[in-house]
Amino acid sequence: GVLDFAAKTITWLNPSLDHDTSPVFSASGSEVAFIRIPSEKNPGFVSHRAGQPWSIYVADAASGEARRVWIADSGAGSAFEPTLAEKNLLWNSRDELIFPWEKTGWLQLYAVPVRGGAPRPITHGEFEVVHMVLSPDRHRLVYSSNEDVDRMHVWTVDFKGGGQPTPASKDRAIEDYPQISGDGTIFALQSDATKPLQPVMLAAGAKWQLLAPEGTASFPSSKLVTPEA
């Protein structure tokens, strides 16, 4: 629902008995997109790989009236699987909705026009997307994945440019939990074989830089080794 602080009212968006999640406002605030997962009875603790397909809706924030802009195919990917990100639906500057989908059996990112149409893959391959976040101006997507089979890395997608994933940095460390500030600076948590997670930022030359002096003097880094596959 949309809570109007001035009027002290709530407008429910196309209410149903299904499970709605991941609401996101348009840039103007006049519309809200959300994911709708059909209510099904599934046994607990059992892998749920297929079912009644989930879908994406866009609703008018004032009236609550909504339209379905996309629905998953039957079979593989019909059951919704989220990333570990706080938000699993993002509205970019090209009026596209970014979402995760297991269509190929791997959790990849796709984009579908807000007015409806066929989805296009943003990422593709035999790996999983873990976290994703959009820049405040909605022009850039930052996500983490295990495309490098041995390590997690951060990638960026510029929707004003070619829209192709680009590694934030070529590093042999592990990066996850990416964030991007209003000025476009990328932050993450980084670790490697001998050091625990530490906050870093992407500095000039696409190099990760520690945000604070290392505070892990008591950590037994000298006793650890880099594993080999």
Protein backbone atom coordinates (compact mmCIF):
# COMPACT_ATOMS: atom_id res chain seq x y z
CA GLY A 1 0.00 0.00 0.00
CA VAL A 2 0.91 3.68 -0.39
CA LEU A 3 0.74 5.73 2.79
CA ASP A 4 -0.09 9.41 2.26
CA PHE A 5 1.32 11.25 5.28
CA ALA A 6 -0.67 14.43 4.62
CA ALA A 7 -4.06 12.79 4.09
CA LYS A 8 -3.30 9.98 6.58
CA THR A 9 -4.71 7.39 4.19
CA ILE A 10 -3.45 4.14 2.69
CA THR A 11 -4.16 3.20 -0.92
CA TRP A 12 -3.83 -0.54 -1.47
CA LEU A 13 -2.35 -1.44 -4.86
CA ASN A 14 -4.52 -3.94 -6.72
CA PRO A 15 -5.09 -6.02 -3.56
CA SER A 16 -5.38 -9.80 -3.87
CA LEU A 17 -4.76 -12.96 -1.87
CA ASP A 18 -1.33 -13.36 -3.45
CA HIS A 19 2.02 -12.30 -1.98
CA ASP A 20 3.20 -8.88 -3.18
CA THR A 21 6.76 -7.78 -2.48
CA SER A 22 9.66 -5.51 -3.55
CA PRO A 23 7.69 -2.27 -4.20
CA VAL A 24 9.60 0.48 -6.01
CA PHE A 25 8.50 4.00 -6.96
CA SER A 26 8.93 5.54 -10.39
CA ALA A 27 11.17 8.61 -10.55
CA SER A 28 8.10 10.88 -10.47
CA GLY A 29 6.52 8.99 -7.58
CA SER A 30 3.25 8.58 -9.48
CA GLU A 31 3.60 4.84 -10.03
CA VAL A 32 4.75 1.83 -8.02
CA ALA A 33 6.04 -1.42 -9.45
CA PHE A 34 5.96 -4.63 -7.43
CA ILE A 35 6.42 -8.39 -7.70
CA ARG A 36 3.40 -10.65 -7.28
CA ILE A 37 3.93 -14.24 -6.18
CA PRO A 38 0.86 -16.51 -6.41
CA SER A 39 -0.29 -18.04 -3.15
CA GLU A 40 0.37 -21.77 -3.28
CA LYS A 41 0.48 -24.54 -0.71
CA ASN A 42 4.01 -25.90 -0.73
CA PRO A 43 5.48 -28.33 1.79
CA GLY A 44 8.05 -26.78 4.09
CA PHE A 45 11.74 -27.57 3.73
CA VAL A 46 11.24 -28.89 0.18
CA SER A 47 12.89 -27.33 -2.87
CA HIS A 48 10.30 -25.36 -4.84
CA ARG A 49 11.62 -24.96 -8.40
CA ALA A 50 8.41 -24.55 -10.41
CA GLY A 51 4.81 -23.53 -9.86
CA GLN A 52 2.20 -20.99 -10.85
CA PRO A 53 4.29 -18.25 -12.56
CA TRP A 54 5.08 -15.06 -10.69
CA SER A 55 4.66 -11.64 -12.30
CA ILE A 56 5.46 -7.93 -12.19
CA TYR A 57 2.80 -5.22 -11.86
CA VAL A 58 2.86 -1.43 -12.14
CA ALA A 59 0.19 0.47 -10.21
CA ASP A 60 -1.01 4.06 -10.09
CA ALA A 61 0.06 5.34 -6.66
CA ALA A 62 -3.05 7.51 -6.27
CA SER A 63 -5.81 5.15 -7.38
CA GLY A 64 -4.22 1.76 -6.74
CA GLU A 65 -5.22 0.51 -10.19
CA ALA A 66 -2.56 -1.75 -11.66
CA ARG A 67 -1.57 -3.50 -14.85
CA ARG A 68 0.57 -6.58 -15.31
CA VAL A 69 3.65 -5.75 -17.38
CA TRP A 70 5.30 -9.19 -17.35
CA ILE A 71 4.78 -12.78 -16.24
CA ALA A 72 7.36 -15.55 -15.93
CA ASP A 73 7.29 -18.54 -18.25
CA SER A 74 5.99 -21.87 -17.03
CA GLY A 75 8.53 -24.46 -15.96
CA ALA A 76 12.05 -23.32 -15.14
CA GLY A 77 11.98 -19.91 -13.45
CA SER A 78 8.24 -19.96 -12.74
CA ALA A 79 8.94 -19.97 -8.99
CA PHE A 80 10.35 -16.65 -7.75
CA GLU A 81 13.86 -16.81 -6.31
CA PRO A 82 15.26 -13.54 -4.92
CA THR A 83 18.84 -12.37 -4.63
CA LEU A 84 20.17 -11.57 -1.15
CA ALA A 85 19.70 -7.85 -1.86
CA GLU A 86 17.31 -5.70 0.16
CA LYS A 87 15.43 -4.81 -3.04
CA ASN A 88 14.79 -7.34 -5.82
CA LEU A 89 13.01 -4.94 -8.19
CA LEU A 90 14.72 -1.76 -9.44
CA TRP A 91 13.38 1.00 -11.73
CA ASN A 92 16.15 2.43 -13.91
CA SER A 93 16.50 5.69 -15.86
CA ARG A 94 15.39 4.02 -19.11
CA ASP A 95 11.99 3.16 -17.57
CA GLU A 96 12.96 -0.49 -17.32
CA LEU A 97 12.38 -2.78 -14.36
CA ILE A 98 15.42 -4.81 -13.29
CA PHE A 99 14.71 -8.15 -11.64
CA PRO A 100 16.30 -11.57 -10.91
CA TRP A 101 15.00 -14.64 -12.76
CA GLU A 102 16.02 -18.30 -12.80
CA LYS A 103 14.89 -18.86 -16.38
CA THR A 104 18.17 -20.59 -17.29
CA GLY A 105 18.53 -22.40 -13.98
CA TRP A 106 20.95 -19.70 -12.82
CA LEU A 107 19.87 -16.55 -10.96
CA GLN A 108 20.51 -13.84 -13.56
CA LEU A 109 19.32 -10.23 -13.99
CA TYR A 110 16.83 -9.11 -16.64
CA ALA A 111 15.19 -5.84 -17.69
CA VAL A 112 11.64 -5.37 -18.96
CA PRO A 113 10.08 -2.09 -20.19
CA VAL A 114 7.66 -0.49 -17.73
CA ARG A 115 5.01 -0.36 -20.47
CA GLY A 116 5.43 -4.08 -21.17
CA GLY A 117 7.36 -6.14 -23.65
CA ALA A 118 9.91 -8.92 -23.84
CA PRO A 119 12.60 -9.03 -21.14
CA ARG A 120 16.24 -8.69 -22.10
CA PRO A 121 19.07 -10.35 -20.19
CA ILE A 122 21.49 -8.02 -18.41
CA THR A 123 23.71 -10.84 -17.19
CA HIS A 124 24.11 -14.32 -18.61
CA GLY A 125 26.23 -17.36 -17.85
CA GLU A 126 26.65 -20.18 -15.37
CA PHE A 127 26.86 -18.13 -12.17
CA GLU A 128 24.60 -16.50 -9.59
CA VAL A 129 23.91 -12.83 -8.87
CA VAL A 130 24.03 -12.24 -5.10
CA HIS A 131 23.44 -8.54 -4.30
CA MET A 132 22.29 -5.67 -6.51
CA VAL A 133 21.67 -1.94 -6.03
CA LEU A 134 20.84 1.03 -8.27
CA SER A 135 22.55 4.43 -8.14
CA PRO A 136 20.41 7.34 -6.84
CA ASP A 137 20.17 8.80 -10.37
CA ARG A 138 19.07 5.34 -11.64
CA HIS A 139 21.72 5.37 -14.39
CA ARG A 140 24.01 2.68 -12.99
CA LEU A 141 23.48 -0.81 -11.63
CA VAL A 142 26.01 -2.36 -9.27
CA TYR A 143 25.87 -6.05 -8.41
CA SER A 144 27.99 -8.88 -7.04
CA SER A 145 28.25 -12.36 -8.51
CA ASN A 146 30.41 -15.49 -8.52
CA GLU A 147 31.16 -15.34 -12.23
CA ASP A 148 34.77 -15.90 -11.16
CA VAL A 149 34.22 -19.41 -9.86
CA ASP A 150 36.75 -18.95 -7.04
CA ARG A 151 35.76 -15.47 -5.85
CA MET A 152 32.87 -13.03 -5.53
CA HIS A 153 33.35 -9.75 -7.42
CA VAL A 154 31.48 -6.48 -7.98
CA TRP A 155 30.28 -5.50 -11.46
CA THR A 156 28.69 -2.35 -12.88
CA VAL A 157 26.21 -1.68 -15.70
CA ASP A 158 25.88 1.82 -17.20
CA PHE A 159 22.40 2.26 -18.69
CA LYS A 160 23.46 5.51 -20.38
CA GLY A 161 26.30 3.65 -22.09
CA GLY A 162 26.31 0.24 -23.70
CA GLY A 163 24.54 -1.45 -20.82
CA GLN A 164 27.09 -4.27 -20.65
CA PRO A 165 28.42 -5.61 -17.31
CA THR A 166 31.92 -4.37 -16.50
CA PRO A 167 34.07 -5.57 -13.58
CA ALA A 168 34.52 -2.77 -11.07
CA SER A 169 38.13 -3.84 -10.56
CA LYS A 170 40.39 -6.69 -11.61
CA ASP A 171 41.45 -8.02 -8.25
CA ARG A 172 42.20 -11.40 -6.71
CA ALA A 173 40.35 -10.50 -3.51
CA ILE A 174 36.66 -11.12 -2.77
CA GLU A 175 34.12 -8.27 -2.88
CA ASP A 176 30.45 -8.28 -1.94
CA TYR A 177 27.66 -6.07 -0.49
CA PRO A 178 28.17 -3.27 -3.07
CA GLN A 179 26.75 0.21 -2.57
CA ILE A 180 26.90 3.34 -4.74
CA SER A 181 26.71 6.92 -3.48
CA GLY A 182 25.07 9.97 -5.00
CA ASP A 183 28.33 11.03 -6.66
CA GLY A 184 28.83 7.58 -8.20
CA THR A 185 31.45 6.26 -5.78
CA ILE A 186 31.25 2.49 -5.34
CA PHE A 187 31.73 0.91 -1.92
CA ALA A 188 31.92 -2.74 -0.90
CA LEU A 189 33.20 -5.17 1.70
CA GLN A 190 36.40 -6.93 0.69
CA SER A 191 38.33 -9.89 2.01
CA ASP A 192 40.95 -12.32 0.76
CA ALA A 193 42.54 -15.58 1.82
CA THR A 194 44.28 -14.02 4.81
CA LYS A 195 42.13 -11.03 5.79
CA PRO A 196 38.52 -10.74 7.03
CA LEU A 197 35.89 -8.46 5.45
CA GLN A 198 36.83 -4.77 5.47
CA PRO A 199 35.04 -1.71 3.99
CA VAL A 200 36.62 -0.42 0.77
CA MET A 201 35.89 2.18 -1.89
CA LEU A 202 36.77 2.21 -5.58
CA ALA A 203 39.55 4.74 -6.07
CA ALA A 204 41.17 6.14 -9.20
CA GLY A 205 42.56 3.51 -11.53
CA ALA A 206 39.84 1.04 -10.57
CA LYS A 207 41.68 0.03 -7.40
CA TRP A 208 39.97 -0.86 -4.14
CA GLN A 209 41.12 1.36 -1.28
CA LEU A 210 40.60 0.72 2.43
CA LEU A 211 38.25 3.22 4.04
CA ALA A 212 40.08 3.03 7.37
CA PRO A 213 43.42 1.73 8.61
CA GLU A 214 43.45 -2.00 9.12
CA GLY A 215 42.12 -2.83 12.55
CA THR A 216 42.84 -6.53 12.39
CA ALA A 217 46.27 -6.72 14.01
CA SER A 218 45.12 -9.60 16.20
CA PHE A 219 43.86 -11.60 13.21
CA PRO A 220 46.25 -14.49 12.37
CA SER A 221 46.85 -13.45 8.75
CA SER A 222 50.44 -14.68 8.78
CA LYS A 223 49.24 -18.20 9.61
CA LEU A 224 46.85 -18.42 6.64
CA VAL A 225 47.65 -19.36 3.06
CA THR A 226 45.94 -18.76 -0.29
CA PRO A 227 44.15 -21.96 -1.35
CA GLU A 228 44.53 -23.38 -4.84
CA ALA A 229 41.82 -25.07 -6.87
